Amino acid sequence: MAKSKLVQANEKIAEGVVGGYKKIENGVVGGFMKMEEGVVNGFNKITDKFVDEFLTKDGESVEDAKKRLAQEQESREHSPKVKKQSTPSRNMEDAIRDRLENGFKTWNGGYGGWLQWCDTLYEPDAHYNVYGHRMPLQQYKDMMGQLFQHYTMELGAFDNMIIRDDWAAIRYTVKVKNLDSGEEILQNTMEFVHFKDNPDPIGVRVVEGWALSDSPLSAHH
């Protein structure tokens, strides 16, 4: 049975993700940030997983999906029917970077610290896509609360962060300990995140995000 794909579930959301994905991808390829070849290859590897999980259609390979996404995005950008949106300012990109870098410092405080970070980072009506499920914010909070009952999760450093307009892609590691078995792993995670700007003191907050990791956690044993 084919996996549930974002493009099958909601074409409008898919368009936004594709647009954000292409901005981020172009930022990597075009040298938006100076990165070593190994970092770029690592980024490409996990974005292939992102495309496979969320953006491929039934029977479509990752490479075919990438070609289709590029063509669809080019068509949208050149379509006279589409009103071109204004580009968010560099100030917003700086605000996103600041929110992520400073907010992540509160992450390592158990579930209470994570909730504090969560309430600062997300819009009240935000959604998050984790392990193939699109969840409203409260459901996401409840899921994380269940995970914190079985694991300790210590956030490591950012591997890299790429921001374009109101989109961000971040890669980071999490040191995870299973409280039931004592097993420890290093989880590699990548997120694509779409932000909304708000007047002070609220500032930039997440509208929707998509997360993937190489070692998914489960509260069910």
N, C-alpha and C. Protein backbone atom coordinates (compact mmCIF):
# COMPACT_ATOMS: atom_id res chain seq x y z
N MET A 1 0.85 -1.20 0.00
CA MET A 1 0.00 0.00 0.00
C MET A 1 0.88 1.24 0.00
N ALA A 2 0.52 2.21 -0.81
CA ALA A 2 1.32 3.42 -0.93
C ALA A 2 1.22 4.25 0.35
N LYS A 3 2.30 4.95 0.68
CA LYS A 3 2.28 5.83 1.84
C LYS A 3 1.33 6.99 1.58
N SER A 4 0.81 7.54 2.66
CA SER A 4 -0.01 8.73 2.53
C SER A 4 0.89 9.91 2.21
N LYS A 5 0.64 10.56 1.10
CA LYS A 5 1.51 11.65 0.65
C LYS A 5 0.86 13.00 0.87
N LEU A 6 1.67 13.99 1.17
CA LEU A 6 1.16 15.33 1.36
C LEU A 6 0.48 15.83 0.09
N VAL A 7 1.05 15.51 -1.07
CA VAL A 7 0.45 16.00 -2.31
C VAL A 7 -0.91 15.39 -2.55
N GLN A 8 -1.15 14.21 -2.03
CA GLN A 8 -2.45 13.60 -2.19
C GLN A 8 -3.46 14.15 -1.19
N ALA A 9 -2.98 14.55 -0.02
CA ALA A 9 -3.86 14.99 1.04
C ALA A 9 -4.29 16.44 0.88
N ASN A 10 -3.42 17.29 0.42
CA ASN A 10 -3.74 18.71 0.37
C ASN A 10 -2.85 19.42 -0.63
N GLU A 11 -3.37 19.63 -1.82
CA GLU A 11 -2.58 20.22 -2.90
C GLU A 11 -2.15 21.64 -2.57
N LYS A 12 -3.00 22.37 -1.86
CA LYS A 12 -2.65 23.76 -1.54
C LYS A 12 -1.45 23.81 -0.61
N ILE A 13 -1.45 22.95 0.41
CA ILE A 13 -0.32 22.89 1.32
C ILE A 13 0.92 22.44 0.56
N ALA A 14 0.74 21.47 -0.32
CA ALA A 14 1.86 20.94 -1.09
C ALA A 14 2.53 22.05 -1.90
N GLU A 15 1.73 22.95 -2.49
CA GLU A 15 2.31 24.04 -3.27
C GLU A 15 3.21 24.90 -2.39
N GLY A 16 2.73 25.19 -1.17
CA GLY A 16 3.54 26.00 -0.26
C GLY A 16 4.82 25.31 0.13
N VAL A 17 4.74 24.00 0.38
CA VAL A 17 5.93 23.26 0.76
C VAL A 17 6.91 23.20 -0.39
N VAL A 18 6.41 22.96 -1.60
CA VAL A 18 7.29 22.90 -2.77
C VAL A 18 8.00 24.23 -2.96
N GLY A 19 7.25 25.32 -2.84
CA GLY A 19 7.87 26.64 -2.99
C GLY A 19 8.95 26.87 -1.96
N GLY A 20 8.66 26.52 -0.71
CA GLY A 20 9.65 26.66 0.34
C GLY A 20 10.83 25.74 0.15
N TYR A 21 10.53 24.51 -0.25
CA TYR A 21 11.60 23.53 -0.50
C TYR A 21 12.55 24.03 -1.59
N LYS A 22 11.99 24.57 -2.68
CA LYS A 22 12.83 25.04 -3.79
C LYS A 22 13.67 26.25 -3.36
N LYS A 23 13.10 27.12 -2.52
CA LYS A 23 13.87 28.26 -2.02
C LYS A 23 15.08 27.78 -1.22
N ILE A 24 14.82 26.80 -0.34
CA ILE A 24 15.90 26.28 0.49
C ILE A 24 16.93 25.56 -0.36
N GLU A 25 16.45 24.73 -1.29
CA GLU A 25 17.36 23.98 -2.15
C GLU A 25 18.22 24.94 -2.97
N ASN A 26 17.61 25.97 -3.52
CA ASN A 26 18.36 26.95 -4.29
C ASN A 26 19.38 27.68 -3.41
N GLY A 27 19.03 27.87 -2.14
CA GLY A 27 19.95 28.50 -1.22
C GLY A 27 21.19 27.66 -1.00
N VAL A 28 21.02 26.36 -0.97
CA VAL A 28 22.17 25.46 -0.80
C VAL A 28 23.01 25.44 -2.06
N VAL A 29 22.34 25.15 -3.17
CA VAL A 29 23.06 24.99 -4.44
C VAL A 29 23.69 26.31 -4.89
N GLY A 30 22.97 27.41 -4.66
CA GLY A 30 23.46 28.70 -5.12
C GLY A 30 24.46 29.36 -4.20
N GLY A 31 24.76 28.73 -3.08
CA GLY A 31 25.77 29.30 -2.18
C GLY A 31 25.25 30.36 -1.26
N PHE A 32 23.96 30.24 -0.85
CA PHE A 32 23.42 31.21 0.10
C PHE A 32 24.24 31.22 1.39
N MET A 33 24.73 30.04 1.76
CA MET A 33 25.66 29.93 2.88
C MET A 33 26.87 29.15 2.41
N LYS A 34 28.04 29.51 2.91
CA LYS A 34 29.24 28.75 2.57
C LYS A 34 29.24 27.45 3.36
N MET A 35 29.23 26.35 2.64
CA MET A 35 29.22 25.06 3.31
C MET A 35 30.16 24.12 2.60
N GLU A 36 30.76 23.23 3.36
CA GLU A 36 31.62 22.23 2.76
C GLU A 36 30.79 21.25 1.96
N GLU A 37 31.42 20.58 1.02
CA GLU A 37 30.72 19.65 0.14
C GLU A 37 30.00 18.56 0.93
N GLY A 38 30.61 18.08 2.01
CA GLY A 38 29.98 17.04 2.80
C GLY A 38 28.67 17.49 3.42
N VAL A 39 28.60 18.77 3.83
CA VAL A 39 27.37 19.31 4.40
C VAL A 39 26.29 19.37 3.35
N VAL A 40 26.65 19.83 2.15
CA VAL A 40 25.68 19.90 1.05
C VAL A 40 25.18 18.52 0.70
N ASN A 41 26.08 17.55 0.66
CA ASN A 41 25.66 16.18 0.36
C ASN A 41 24.74 15.64 1.44
N GLY A 42 25.04 15.97 2.69
CA GLY A 42 24.17 15.54 3.78
C GLY A 42 22.80 16.17 3.68
N PHE A 43 22.78 17.45 3.32
CA PHE A 43 21.50 18.15 3.12
C PHE A 43 20.71 17.48 2.01
N ASN A 44 21.37 17.21 0.89
CA ASN A 44 20.67 16.59 -0.24
C ASN A 44 20.13 15.23 0.11
N LYS A 45 20.88 14.48 0.92
CA LYS A 45 20.45 13.14 1.29
C LYS A 45 19.16 13.18 2.09
N ILE A 46 19.09 14.08 3.07
CA ILE A 46 17.90 14.11 3.90
C ILE A 46 16.73 14.80 3.20
N THR A 47 17.01 15.73 2.27
CA THR A 47 15.91 16.32 1.51
C THR A 47 15.34 15.31 0.53
N ASP A 48 16.15 14.39 0.06
CA ASP A 48 15.61 13.29 -0.76
C ASP A 48 14.59 12.50 0.06
N LYS A 49 14.92 12.28 1.32
CA LYS A 49 13.99 11.57 2.20
C LYS A 49 12.72 12.39 2.41
N PHE A 50 12.88 13.71 2.53
CA PHE A 50 11.73 14.61 2.68
C PHE A 50 10.82 14.53 1.45
N VAL A 51 11.43 14.61 0.28
CA VAL A 51 10.64 14.52 -0.97
C VAL A 51 9.92 13.19 -1.05
N ASP A 52 10.63 12.12 -0.71
CA ASP A 52 10.03 10.79 -0.78
C ASP A 52 8.86 10.66 0.18
N GLU A 53 8.99 11.23 1.37
CA GLU A 53 7.97 11.09 2.40
C GLU A 53 6.73 11.93 2.12
N PHE A 54 6.94 13.18 1.65
CA PHE A 54 5.84 14.12 1.57
C PHE A 54 5.39 14.51 0.17
N LEU A 55 6.27 14.41 -0.82
CA LEU A 55 5.96 15.06 -2.10
C LEU A 55 5.91 14.14 -3.31
N THR A 56 6.29 12.88 -3.18
CA THR A 56 6.18 11.98 -4.33
C THR A 56 4.75 11.51 -4.50
N LYS A 57 4.41 11.20 -5.73
CA LYS A 57 3.11 10.60 -6.04
C LYS A 57 3.30 9.10 -6.23
N ASP A 58 2.21 8.36 -6.24
CA ASP A 58 2.29 6.90 -6.35
C ASP A 58 3.11 6.48 -7.56
N GLY A 59 4.07 5.59 -7.35
CA GLY A 59 4.87 5.06 -8.44
C GLY A 59 5.95 5.99 -8.94
N GLU A 60 6.16 7.11 -8.25
CA GLU A 60 7.11 8.12 -8.71
C GLU A 60 8.40 8.02 -7.89
N SER A 61 9.54 8.04 -8.58
CA SER A 61 10.82 8.03 -7.88
C SER A 61 11.12 9.42 -7.34
N VAL A 62 12.11 9.49 -6.45
CA VAL A 62 12.50 10.78 -5.89
C VAL A 62 13.01 11.71 -6.99
N GLU A 63 13.83 11.18 -7.90
CA GLU A 63 14.37 12.01 -8.98
C GLU A 63 13.26 12.51 -9.89
N ASP A 64 12.30 11.64 -10.22
CA ASP A 64 11.18 12.08 -11.05
C ASP A 64 10.36 13.14 -10.34
N ALA A 65 10.17 12.95 -9.04
CA ALA A 65 9.40 13.93 -8.27
C ALA A 65 10.10 15.27 -8.25
N LYS A 66 11.44 15.27 -8.08
CA LYS A 66 12.18 16.52 -8.07
C LYS A 66 12.04 17.27 -9.40
N LYS A 67 12.10 16.52 -10.50
CA LYS A 67 11.94 17.15 -11.82
C LYS A 67 10.55 17.75 -11.96
N ARG A 68 9.53 16.98 -11.52
CA ARG A 68 8.16 17.47 -11.61
C ARG A 68 7.97 18.70 -10.74
N LEU A 69 8.50 18.68 -9.52
CA LEU A 69 8.36 19.82 -8.61
C LEU A 69 9.00 21.07 -9.19
N ALA A 70 10.18 20.89 -9.80
CA ALA A 70 10.86 22.03 -10.40
C ALA A 70 10.04 22.62 -11.55
N GLN A 71 9.46 21.75 -12.37
CA GLN A 71 8.64 22.21 -13.49
C GLN A 71 7.38 22.90 -13.00
N GLU A 72 6.74 22.32 -11.98
CA GLU A 72 5.52 22.92 -11.44
C GLU A 72 5.80 24.28 -10.82
N GLN A 73 6.91 24.37 -10.10
CA GLN A 73 7.26 25.63 -9.47
C GLN A 73 7.58 26.69 -10.52
N GLU A 74 8.30 26.31 -11.57
CA GLU A 74 8.61 27.26 -12.64
C GLU A 74 7.35 27.74 -13.33
N SER A 75 6.41 26.83 -13.55
CA SER A 75 5.15 27.20 -14.18
C SER A 75 4.38 28.19 -13.32
N ARG A 76 4.35 27.95 -12.00
CA ARG A 76 3.63 28.86 -11.11
C ARG A 76 4.28 30.24 -11.09
N GLU A 77 5.61 30.27 -11.10
CA GLU A 77 6.31 31.55 -11.04
C GLU A 77 6.09 32.39 -12.29
N HIS A 78 5.86 31.72 -13.43
CA HIS A 78 5.71 32.44 -14.68
C HIS A 78 4.26 32.55 -15.12
N SER A 79 3.35 32.04 -14.32
CA SER A 79 1.93 32.10 -14.69
C SER A 79 1.40 33.51 -14.49
N PRO A 80 0.74 34.09 -15.52
CA PRO A 80 0.19 35.44 -15.39
C PRO A 80 -1.01 35.48 -14.44
N LYS A 81 -1.57 34.31 -14.11
CA LYS A 81 -2.73 34.26 -13.22
C LYS A 81 -2.34 34.36 -11.76
N VAL A 82 -1.08 34.14 -11.48
CA VAL A 82 -0.62 34.14 -10.11
C VAL A 82 -0.09 35.52 -9.75
N LYS A 83 -0.67 36.11 -8.74
CA LYS A 83 -0.20 37.40 -8.26
C LYS A 83 1.05 37.21 -7.44
N LYS A 84 2.11 37.84 -7.86
CA LYS A 84 3.39 37.65 -7.17
C LYS A 84 3.35 38.30 -5.80
N GLN A 85 3.69 37.53 -4.78
CA GLN A 85 3.69 38.03 -3.43
C GLN A 85 4.98 38.80 -3.15
N SER A 86 4.85 39.77 -2.25
CA SER A 86 6.04 40.52 -1.87
C SER A 86 6.99 39.64 -1.08
N THR A 87 8.25 39.87 -1.26
CA THR A 87 9.26 39.06 -0.59
C THR A 87 9.50 39.59 0.83
N PRO A 88 9.46 38.70 1.83
CA PRO A 88 9.75 39.15 3.20
C PRO A 88 11.14 39.77 3.26
N SER A 89 11.30 40.71 4.16
CA SER A 89 12.57 41.43 4.26
C SER A 89 13.63 40.58 4.91
N ARG A 90 14.89 41.02 4.74
CA ARG A 90 15.99 40.36 5.40
C ARG A 90 15.81 40.43 6.92
N ASN A 91 15.11 41.48 7.40
CA ASN A 91 14.87 41.57 8.83
C ASN A 91 14.11 40.36 9.34
N MET A 92 13.19 39.84 8.53
CA MET A 92 12.44 38.66 8.95
C MET A 92 13.34 37.44 8.99
N GLU A 93 14.24 37.31 8.03
CA GLU A 93 15.19 36.20 8.04
C GLU A 93 16.05 36.25 9.30
N ASP A 94 16.49 37.46 9.66
CA ASP A 94 17.29 37.61 10.88
C ASP A 94 16.46 37.26 12.12
N ALA A 95 15.17 37.65 12.10
CA ALA A 95 14.30 37.36 13.23
C ALA A 95 14.07 35.86 13.38
N ILE A 96 13.94 35.16 12.25
CA ILE A 96 13.77 33.71 12.29
C ILE A 96 15.01 33.05 12.87
N ARG A 97 16.18 33.49 12.41
CA ARG A 97 17.43 32.93 12.91
C ARG A 97 17.55 33.16 14.42
N ASP A 98 17.23 34.37 14.86
CA ASP A 98 17.33 34.70 16.28
C ASP A 98 16.35 33.87 17.10
N ARG A 99 15.14 33.70 16.60
CA ARG A 99 14.13 32.91 17.32
C ARG A 99 14.58 31.46 17.48
N LEU A 100 15.12 30.89 16.43
CA LEU A 100 15.56 29.50 16.48
C LEU A 100 16.77 29.32 17.40
N GLU A 101 17.77 30.19 17.24
CA GLU A 101 19.00 30.03 18.02
C GLU A 101 18.76 30.25 19.51
N ASN A 102 17.99 31.27 19.86
CA ASN A 102 17.76 31.56 21.27
C ASN A 102 16.71 30.63 21.87
N GLY A 103 15.69 30.31 21.07
CA GLY A 103 14.63 29.44 21.58
C GLY A 103 15.09 28.04 21.86
N PHE A 104 16.02 27.55 21.06
CA PHE A 104 16.49 26.18 21.25
C PHE A 104 17.21 26.01 22.59
N LYS A 105 17.66 27.13 23.18
CA LYS A 105 18.36 27.04 24.45
C LYS A 105 17.43 26.60 25.58
N THR A 106 16.11 26.82 25.41
CA THR A 106 15.15 26.43 26.44
C THR A 106 14.66 24.99 26.24
N TRP A 107 15.10 24.36 25.15
CA TRP A 107 14.61 23.03 24.79
C TRP A 107 15.02 21.98 25.82
N ASN A 108 16.22 22.11 26.38
CA ASN A 108 16.77 21.07 27.25
C ASN A 108 16.33 21.21 28.71
N GLY A 109 15.05 21.42 28.91
CA GLY A 109 14.53 21.53 30.26
C GLY A 109 13.41 20.55 30.52
N GLY A 110 13.49 19.37 29.88
CA GLY A 110 12.42 18.40 30.03
C GLY A 110 11.16 18.87 29.32
N TYR A 111 10.04 18.24 29.64
CA TYR A 111 8.79 18.58 28.95
C TYR A 111 8.36 20.01 29.25
N GLY A 112 8.62 20.47 30.49
CA GLY A 112 8.27 21.84 30.83
C GLY A 112 9.03 22.85 30.00
N GLY A 113 10.33 22.62 29.83
CA GLY A 113 11.13 23.51 28.99
C GLY A 113 10.70 23.47 27.55
N TRP A 114 10.36 22.25 27.09
CA TRP A 114 9.90 22.13 25.70
C TRP A 114 8.59 22.87 25.49
N LEU A 115 7.66 22.79 26.45
CA LEU A 115 6.38 23.50 26.32
C LEU A 115 6.59 25.01 26.27
N GLN A 116 7.53 25.49 27.09
CA GLN A 116 7.84 26.93 27.06
C GLN A 116 8.33 27.34 25.69
N TRP A 117 9.22 26.53 25.11
CA TRP A 117 9.73 26.78 23.77
C TRP A 117 8.60 26.71 22.75
N CYS A 118 7.74 25.72 22.92
CA CYS A 118 6.65 25.49 21.99
C CYS A 118 5.69 26.68 21.94
N ASP A 119 5.32 27.19 23.11
CA ASP A 119 4.37 28.30 23.17
C ASP A 119 4.97 29.59 22.62
N THR A 120 6.30 29.68 22.65
CA THR A 120 6.97 30.85 22.08
C THR A 120 7.09 30.74 20.57
N LEU A 121 7.33 29.53 20.09
CA LEU A 121 7.67 29.33 18.69
C LEU A 121 6.47 29.25 17.76
N TYR A 122 5.38 28.63 18.20
CA TYR A 122 4.29 28.29 17.28
C TYR A 122 3.09 29.23 17.39
N GLU A 123 2.45 29.47 16.25
CA GLU A 123 1.15 30.13 16.24
C GLU A 123 0.14 29.22 16.96
N PRO A 124 -0.86 29.79 17.63
CA PRO A 124 -1.83 28.96 18.34
C PRO A 124 -2.55 27.96 17.43
N ASP A 125 -2.72 28.32 16.15
CA ASP A 125 -3.41 27.42 15.21
C ASP A 125 -2.42 26.70 14.28
N ALA A 126 -1.15 26.60 14.72
CA ALA A 126 -0.12 25.96 13.90
C ALA A 126 -0.37 24.47 13.77
N HIS A 127 0.23 23.90 12.72
CA HIS A 127 0.19 22.45 12.51
C HIS A 127 1.63 21.95 12.35
N TYR A 128 1.84 20.69 12.76
CA TYR A 128 3.15 20.09 12.57
C TYR A 128 2.99 18.69 12.00
N ASN A 129 3.85 18.38 11.06
CA ASN A 129 3.83 17.09 10.38
C ASN A 129 4.99 16.25 10.88
N VAL A 130 4.69 15.21 11.62
CA VAL A 130 5.72 14.36 12.22
C VAL A 130 5.39 12.90 11.93
N TYR A 131 6.39 12.17 11.41
CA TYR A 131 6.21 10.74 11.13
C TYR A 131 4.99 10.49 10.23
N GLY A 132 4.76 11.41 9.28
CA GLY A 132 3.69 11.21 8.31
C GLY A 132 2.32 11.65 8.77
N HIS A 133 2.22 12.26 9.96
CA HIS A 133 0.92 12.69 10.48
C HIS A 133 0.90 14.20 10.62
N ARG A 134 -0.17 14.83 10.10
CA ARG A 134 -0.36 16.27 10.25
C ARG A 134 -1.21 16.51 11.49
N MET A 135 -0.65 17.24 12.46
CA MET A 135 -1.32 17.41 13.74
C MET A 135 -1.50 18.88 14.09
N PRO A 136 -2.66 19.24 14.65
CA PRO A 136 -2.77 20.58 15.24
C PRO A 136 -1.84 20.68 16.44
N LEU A 137 -1.57 21.89 16.86
CA LEU A 137 -0.55 22.12 17.87
C LEU A 137 -0.80 21.34 19.16
N GLN A 138 -2.04 21.31 19.65
CA GLN A 138 -2.31 20.62 20.90
C GLN A 138 -2.03 19.13 20.79
N GLN A 139 -2.37 18.54 19.66
CA GLN A 139 -2.10 17.12 19.47
C GLN A 139 -0.59 16.86 19.44
N TYR A 140 0.14 17.77 18.82
CA TYR A 140 1.60 17.67 18.79
C TYR A 140 2.16 17.75 20.21
N LYS A 141 1.64 18.67 21.03
CA LYS A 141 2.08 18.79 22.41
C LYS A 141 1.81 17.50 23.19
N ASP A 142 0.62 16.94 22.99
CA ASP A 142 0.25 15.71 23.69
C ASP A 142 1.17 14.56 23.30
N MET A 143 1.50 14.48 21.99
CA MET A 143 2.39 13.42 21.52
C MET A 143 3.77 13.56 22.18
N MET A 144 4.28 14.80 22.23
CA MET A 144 5.58 15.01 22.84
C MET A 144 5.55 14.71 24.34
N GLY A 145 4.44 15.02 24.99
CA GLY A 145 4.30 14.71 26.40
C GLY A 145 4.41 13.22 26.66
N GLN A 146 3.83 12.41 25.77
CA GLN A 146 3.92 10.95 25.89
C GLN A 146 5.37 10.49 25.68
N LEU A 147 6.05 11.10 24.71
CA LEU A 147 7.43 10.71 24.46
C LEU A 147 8.34 11.04 25.64
N PHE A 148 8.12 12.20 26.26
CA PHE A 148 8.95 12.59 27.39
C PHE A 148 8.76 11.67 28.60
N GLN A 149 7.68 10.92 28.62
CA GLN A 149 7.49 9.95 29.70
C GLN A 149 8.41 8.74 29.55
N HIS A 150 8.88 8.50 28.32
CA HIS A 150 9.70 7.32 28.04
C HIS A 150 11.14 7.65 27.66
N TYR A 151 11.41 8.92 27.33
CA TYR A 151 12.74 9.29 26.85
C TYR A 151 13.20 10.60 27.49
N THR A 152 14.52 10.72 27.65
CA THR A 152 15.10 12.04 27.84
C THR A 152 15.65 12.47 26.48
N MET A 153 15.50 13.74 26.17
CA MET A 153 15.92 14.25 24.87
C MET A 153 16.74 15.52 25.07
N GLU A 154 18.01 15.43 24.77
CA GLU A 154 18.93 16.55 24.95
C GLU A 154 19.34 17.08 23.58
N LEU A 155 18.94 18.30 23.32
CA LEU A 155 19.21 18.90 22.01
C LEU A 155 20.67 19.25 21.86
N GLY A 156 21.26 18.86 20.73
CA GLY A 156 22.64 19.19 20.43
C GLY A 156 22.73 20.46 19.60
N ALA A 157 23.86 20.64 18.96
CA ALA A 157 24.08 21.84 18.15
C ALA A 157 23.41 21.71 16.79
N PHE A 158 23.18 22.86 16.15
CA PHE A 158 22.71 22.87 14.78
C PHE A 158 23.83 22.37 13.86
N ASP A 159 23.50 21.47 12.95
CA ASP A 159 24.46 21.10 11.91
C ASP A 159 24.50 22.21 10.87
N ASN A 160 23.37 22.66 10.47
CA ASN A 160 23.28 23.85 9.62
C ASN A 160 21.86 24.39 9.61
N MET A 161 21.75 25.68 9.30
CA MET A 161 20.48 26.37 9.26
C MET A 161 20.46 27.23 8.00
N ILE A 162 19.43 27.09 7.20
CA ILE A 162 19.31 27.85 5.96
C ILE A 162 17.96 28.54 5.96
N ILE A 163 17.95 29.84 5.75
CA ILE A 163 16.72 30.62 5.81
C ILE A 163 16.56 31.40 4.52
N ARG A 164 15.40 31.29 3.92
CA ARG A 164 15.06 32.05 2.72
C ARG A 164 13.66 32.61 2.89
N ASP A 165 13.55 33.93 2.86
CA ASP A 165 12.27 34.61 3.03
C ASP A 165 11.62 34.15 4.34
N ASP A 166 10.44 33.56 4.27
CA ASP A 166 9.75 33.12 5.49
C ASP A 166 9.83 31.61 5.68
N TRP A 167 10.86 30.97 5.07
CA TRP A 167 11.07 29.53 5.21
C TRP A 167 12.44 29.26 5.83
N ALA A 168 12.51 28.18 6.58
CA ALA A 168 13.79 27.76 7.15
C ALA A 168 13.94 26.25 7.05
N ALA A 169 15.16 25.82 6.86
CA ALA A 169 15.50 24.40 6.94
C ALA A 169 16.60 24.27 7.98
N ILE A 170 16.41 23.38 8.93
CA ILE A 170 17.40 23.20 9.98
C ILE A 170 17.72 21.72 10.15
N ARG A 171 19.00 21.46 10.40
CA ARG A 171 19.44 20.09 10.72
C ARG A 171 20.13 20.15 12.07
N TYR A 172 19.79 19.20 12.94
CA TYR A 172 20.38 19.19 14.27
C TYR A 172 20.36 17.76 14.81
N THR A 173 21.07 17.55 15.91
CA THR A 173 21.11 16.23 16.54
C THR A 173 20.47 16.30 17.92
N VAL A 174 19.90 15.17 18.32
CA VAL A 174 19.30 15.05 19.64
C VAL A 174 19.85 13.78 20.30
N LYS A 175 20.38 13.92 21.52
CA LYS A 175 20.82 12.77 22.29
C LYS A 175 19.62 12.21 23.04
N VAL A 176 19.24 11.00 22.71
CA VAL A 176 18.02 10.40 23.24
C VAL A 176 18.37 9.21 24.13
N LYS A 177 17.75 9.15 25.31
CA LYS A 177 17.92 7.99 26.20
C LYS A 177 16.57 7.38 26.49
N ASN A 178 16.43 6.09 26.22
CA ASN A 178 15.21 5.35 26.51
C ASN A 178 15.19 5.04 28.01
N LEU A 179 14.22 5.61 28.72
CA LEU A 179 14.16 5.45 30.16
C LEU A 179 13.78 4.04 30.58
N ASP A 180 13.18 3.29 29.67
CA ASP A 180 12.76 1.93 29.98
C ASP A 180 13.90 0.93 29.80
N SER A 181 14.69 1.12 28.74
CA SER A 181 15.75 0.15 28.44
C SER A 181 17.15 0.66 28.77
N GLY A 182 17.29 1.98 28.93
CA GLY A 182 18.60 2.57 29.17
C GLY A 182 19.40 2.81 27.90
N GLU A 183 18.87 2.42 26.75
CA GLU A 183 19.58 2.59 25.47
C GLU A 183 19.69 4.07 25.12
N GLU A 184 20.84 4.44 24.59
CA GLU A 184 21.07 5.82 24.16
C GLU A 184 21.39 5.85 22.66
N ILE A 185 20.82 6.81 21.96
CA ILE A 185 21.07 6.98 20.54
C ILE A 185 21.29 8.46 20.24
N LEU A 186 21.91 8.73 19.10
CA LEU A 186 22.05 10.09 18.60
C LEU A 186 21.14 10.21 17.39
N GLN A 187 20.09 10.99 17.52
CA GLN A 187 19.07 11.13 16.49
C GLN A 187 19.38 12.33 15.60
N ASN A 188 19.42 12.12 14.29
CA ASN A 188 19.63 13.20 13.32
C ASN A 188 18.28 13.64 12.78
N THR A 189 18.00 14.92 12.88
CA THR A 189 16.68 15.44 12.53
C THR A 189 16.80 16.59 11.56
N MET A 190 15.83 16.69 10.66
CA MET A 190 15.73 17.83 9.76
C MET A 190 14.30 18.34 9.74
N GLU A 191 14.15 19.66 9.72
CA GLU A 191 12.83 20.27 9.69
C GLU A 191 12.79 21.33 8.60
N PHE A 192 11.65 21.37 7.90
CA PHE A 192 11.30 22.49 7.03
C PHE A 192 10.20 23.25 7.75
N VAL A 193 10.37 24.56 7.89
CA VAL A 193 9.46 25.33 8.73
C VAL A 193 9.02 26.60 8.01
N HIS A 194 7.71 26.87 8.04
CA HIS A 194 7.14 28.06 7.42
C HIS A 194 6.72 29.03 8.52
N PHE A 195 7.21 30.26 8.47
CA PHE A 195 6.99 31.24 9.53
C PHE A 195 6.00 32.33 9.12
N LYS A 196 5.45 32.97 10.14
CA LYS A 196 4.60 34.14 9.97
C LYS A 196 5.16 35.25 10.84
N ASP A 197 5.20 36.46 10.30
CA ASP A 197 5.70 37.60 11.07
C ASP A 197 4.54 38.25 11.83
N ASN A 198 4.80 38.67 13.05
CA ASN A 198 3.82 39.33 13.90
C ASN A 198 4.45 40.58 14.50
N PRO A 199 3.61 41.56 14.85
CA PRO A 199 4.16 42.75 15.53
C PRO A 199 4.78 42.36 16.87
N ASP A 200 5.72 43.17 17.34
CA ASP A 200 6.30 42.96 18.66
C ASP A 200 5.21 43.08 19.72
N PRO A 201 5.28 42.35 20.82
CA PRO A 201 6.42 41.53 21.22
C PRO A 201 6.34 40.07 20.76
N ILE A 202 5.33 39.71 19.97
CA ILE A 202 5.16 38.30 19.57
C ILE A 202 6.26 37.87 18.62
N GLY A 203 6.47 38.64 17.55
CA GLY A 203 7.52 38.34 16.59
C GLY A 203 7.18 37.16 15.69
N VAL A 204 8.19 36.58 15.07
CA VAL A 204 7.98 35.51 14.11
C VAL A 204 7.60 34.21 14.84
N ARG A 205 6.62 33.51 14.25
CA ARG A 205 6.20 32.23 14.81
C ARG A 205 5.88 31.26 13.68
N VAL A 206 5.90 29.99 14.00
CA VAL A 206 5.71 28.95 12.99
C VAL A 206 4.23 28.76 12.68
N VAL A 207 3.93 28.72 11.37
CA VAL A 207 2.60 28.41 10.89
C VAL A 207 2.45 26.90 10.70
N GLU A 208 3.48 26.31 10.06
CA GLU A 208 3.46 24.87 9.85
C GLU A 208 4.89 24.37 9.67
N GLY A 209 5.13 23.14 10.12
CA GLY A 209 6.45 22.55 9.98
C GLY A 209 6.36 21.09 9.58
N TRP A 210 7.46 20.60 9.01
CA TRP A 210 7.56 19.20 8.56
C TRP A 210 8.88 18.66 9.09
N ALA A 211 8.83 17.56 9.85
CA ALA A 211 10.02 17.04 10.49
C ALA A 211 10.26 15.59 10.12
N LEU A 212 11.53 15.25 9.94
CA LEU A 212 11.96 13.89 9.69
C LEU A 212 13.20 13.59 10.53
N SER A 213 13.33 12.36 10.98
CA SER A 213 14.54 11.95 11.67
C SER A 213 14.92 10.56 11.21
N ASP A 214 16.18 10.20 11.48
CA ASP A 214 16.64 8.88 11.05
C ASP A 214 16.31 7.80 12.08
N SER A 215 15.81 8.20 13.25
CA SER A 215 15.45 7.23 14.29
C SER A 215 14.15 7.67 14.97
N PRO A 216 13.01 7.42 14.32
CA PRO A 216 11.71 7.84 14.89
C PRO A 216 11.48 7.21 16.26
N LEU A 217 10.89 7.99 17.15
CA LEU A 217 10.59 7.52 18.51
C LEU A 217 9.12 7.16 18.62
N SER A 218 8.83 6.28 19.55
CA SER A 218 7.46 5.88 19.79
C SER A 218 7.23 5.72 21.28
N ALA A 219 6.05 6.16 21.74
CA ALA A 219 5.71 6.01 23.15
C ALA A 219 5.13 4.63 23.43
N HIS A 220 4.92 3.82 22.37
CA HIS A 220 4.35 2.49 22.52
C HIS A 220 5.45 1.44 22.50
N HIS A 221 5.49 0.57 23.45
CA HIS A 221 6.56 -0.44 23.56
C HIS A 221 5.96 -1.84 23.55
